[in-house]
Amino acid sequence: MFTRDFDNPDMPLQMLFDRWPGTASVFMAHGMLCFGCPITPFHTVIDACLEYGLDVKGFRRELRAALSADQT
């Protein structure tokens, strides 16, 4: 089973959005259509970044910043 650890590379995007809804804004800012996509339960952050040609490490930094903003 998948853990709800933010850094788990195997966590599906649906679980990410369910647990941390503020991360959806990062995807939308990049023009990514992942939020609401029928593949979201199966794709990971890595899959999405590959699909959209984005740097995974940089994108994860943006996601982490969105998490920090949610917690303030």
C-alpha atoms as a PDB file:
ATOM      1  CA  MET A   1       0.000   0.000   0.000  1.00  0.00           C
ATOM      2  CA  PHE A   2       1.098   3.579  -0.595  1.00  0.00           C
ATOM      3  CA  THR A   3       2.129   5.683   2.356  1.00  0.00           C
ATOM      4  CA  ARG A   4       0.973   9.270   2.713  1.00  0.00           C
ATOM      5  CA  ASP A   5       4.554  10.494   2.994  1.00  0.00           C
ATOM      6  CA  PHE A   6       5.003  13.584   0.821  1.00  0.00           C
ATOM      7  CA  ASP A   7       8.401  12.343  -0.385  1.00  0.00           C
ATOM      8  CA  ASN A   8       7.152   8.899  -1.418  1.00  0.00           C
ATOM      9  CA  PRO A   9       7.920   8.738  -5.169  1.00  0.00           C
ATOM     10  CA  ASP A  10       5.237   6.075  -5.665  1.00  0.00           C
ATOM     11  CA  MET A  11       2.378   8.096  -4.177  1.00  0.00           C
ATOM     12  CA  PRO A  12      -0.370   8.626  -6.759  1.00  0.00           C
ATOM     13  CA  LEU A  13      -1.328  12.208  -7.548  1.00  0.00           C
ATOM     14  CA  GLN A  14      -4.877  11.591  -6.328  1.00  0.00           C
ATOM     15  CA  MET A  15      -3.528  10.821  -2.861  1.00  0.00           C
ATOM     16  CA  LEU A  16      -1.339  13.939  -3.022  1.00  0.00           C
ATOM     17  CA  PHE A  17      -4.324  16.134  -3.923  1.00  0.00           C
ATOM     18  CA  ASP A  18      -6.547  14.491  -1.292  1.00  0.00           C
ATOM     19  CA  ARG A  19      -4.009  14.952   1.492  1.00  0.00           C
ATOM     20  CA  TRP A  20      -2.563  18.329   0.402  1.00  0.00           C
ATOM     21  CA  PRO A  21      -5.129  20.139  -1.787  1.00  0.00           C
ATOM     22  CA  GLY A  22      -2.970  23.288  -1.968  1.00  0.00           C
ATOM     23  CA  THR A  23      -0.527  21.428  -4.219  1.00  0.00           C
ATOM     24  CA  ALA A  24      -3.074  21.501  -7.058  1.00  0.00           C
ATOM     25  CA  SER A  25      -2.292  25.185  -7.599  1.00  0.00           C
ATOM     26  CA  VAL A  26       1.320  24.316  -8.477  1.00  0.00           C
ATOM     27  CA  PHE A  27       0.131  21.940 -11.191  1.00  0.00           C
ATOM     28  CA  MET A  28      -2.314  24.512 -12.540  1.00  0.00           C
ATOM     29  CA  ALA A  29       0.362  27.241 -12.557  1.00  0.00           C
ATOM     30  CA  HIS A  30       2.365  25.051 -14.941  1.00  0.00           C
ATOM     31  CA  GLY A  31      -0.645  24.449 -17.184  1.00  0.00           C
ATOM     32  CA  MET A  32      -0.793  20.815 -16.101  1.00  0.00           C
ATOM     33  CA  LEU A  33      -4.185  19.174 -16.366  1.00  0.00           C
ATOM     34  CA  CYS A  34      -3.485  16.558 -13.686  1.00  0.00           C
ATOM     35  CA  PHE A  35      -6.047  17.822 -11.179  1.00  0.00           C
ATOM     36  CA  GLY A  36      -9.256  16.114 -12.235  1.00  0.00           C
ATOM     37  CA  CYS A  37      -7.599  13.862 -14.834  1.00  0.00           C
ATOM     38  CA  PRO A  38      -8.858  10.247 -14.868  1.00  0.00           C
ATOM     39  CA  ILE A  39      -5.235   9.019 -14.740  1.00  0.00           C
ATOM     40  CA  THR A  40      -4.539  10.889 -11.462  1.00  0.00           C
ATOM     41  CA  PRO A  41      -5.084   7.757  -9.308  1.00  0.00           C
ATOM     42  CA  PHE A  42      -2.263   6.044 -11.212  1.00  0.00           C
ATOM     43  CA  HIS A  43       0.288   8.766 -12.053  1.00  0.00           C
ATOM     44  CA  THR A  44       2.947  10.059  -9.681  1.00  0.00           C
ATOM     45  CA  VAL A  45       4.713  13.418  -9.537  1.00  0.00           C
ATOM     46  CA  ILE A  46       7.547  11.838 -11.509  1.00  0.00           C
ATOM     47  CA  ASP A  47       5.138  10.639 -14.220  1.00  0.00           C
ATOM     48  CA  ALA A  48       3.538  14.078 -14.469  1.00  0.00           C
ATOM     49  CA  CYS A  49       6.887  15.844 -14.697  1.00  0.00           C
ATOM     50  CA  LEU A  50       8.031  13.474 -17.437  1.00  0.00           C
ATOM     51  CA  GLU A  51       4.778  14.016 -19.316  1.00  0.00           C
ATOM     52  CA  TYR A  52       5.111  17.811 -19.154  1.00  0.00           C
ATOM     53  CA  GLY A  53       8.901  18.011 -19.507  1.00  0.00           C
ATOM     54  CA  LEU A  54       9.497  19.504 -16.061  1.00  0.00           C
ATOM     55  CA  ASP A  55      12.429  19.069 -13.692  1.00  0.00           C
ATOM     56  CA  VAL A  56      11.265  16.762 -10.898  1.00  0.00           C
ATOM     57  CA  LYS A  57      13.475  18.274  -8.183  1.00  0.00           C
ATOM     58  CA  GLY A  58      12.455  21.829  -9.022  1.00  0.00           C
ATOM     59  CA  PHE A  59       8.799  20.884  -9.213  1.00  0.00           C
ATOM     60  CA  ARG A  60       8.978  19.134  -5.835  1.00  0.00           C
ATOM     61  CA  ARG A  61      10.500  22.314  -4.347  1.00  0.00           C
ATOM     62  CA  GLU A  62       7.474  24.226  -5.608  1.00  0.00           C
ATOM     63  CA  LEU A  63       5.124  21.634  -4.132  1.00  0.00           C
ATOM     64  CA  ARG A  64       6.926  21.833  -0.792  1.00  0.00           C
ATOM     65  CA  ALA A  65       6.607  25.644  -0.853  1.00  0.00           C
ATOM     66  CA  ALA A  66       2.858  25.254  -1.430  1.00  0.00           C
ATOM     67  CA  LEU A  67       2.695  22.944   1.598  1.00  0.00           C
ATOM     68  CA  SER A  68       4.521  25.512   3.717  1.00  0.00           C
ATOM     69  CA  ALA A  69       2.129  28.240   2.568  1.00  0.00           C
ATOM     70  CA  ASP A  70      -0.852  26.056   3.529  1.00  0.00           C
ATOM     71  CA  GLN A  71       0.503  25.557   7.035  1.00  0.00           C
ATOM     72  CA  THR A  72       0.911  29.266   7.816  1.00  0.00           C
END
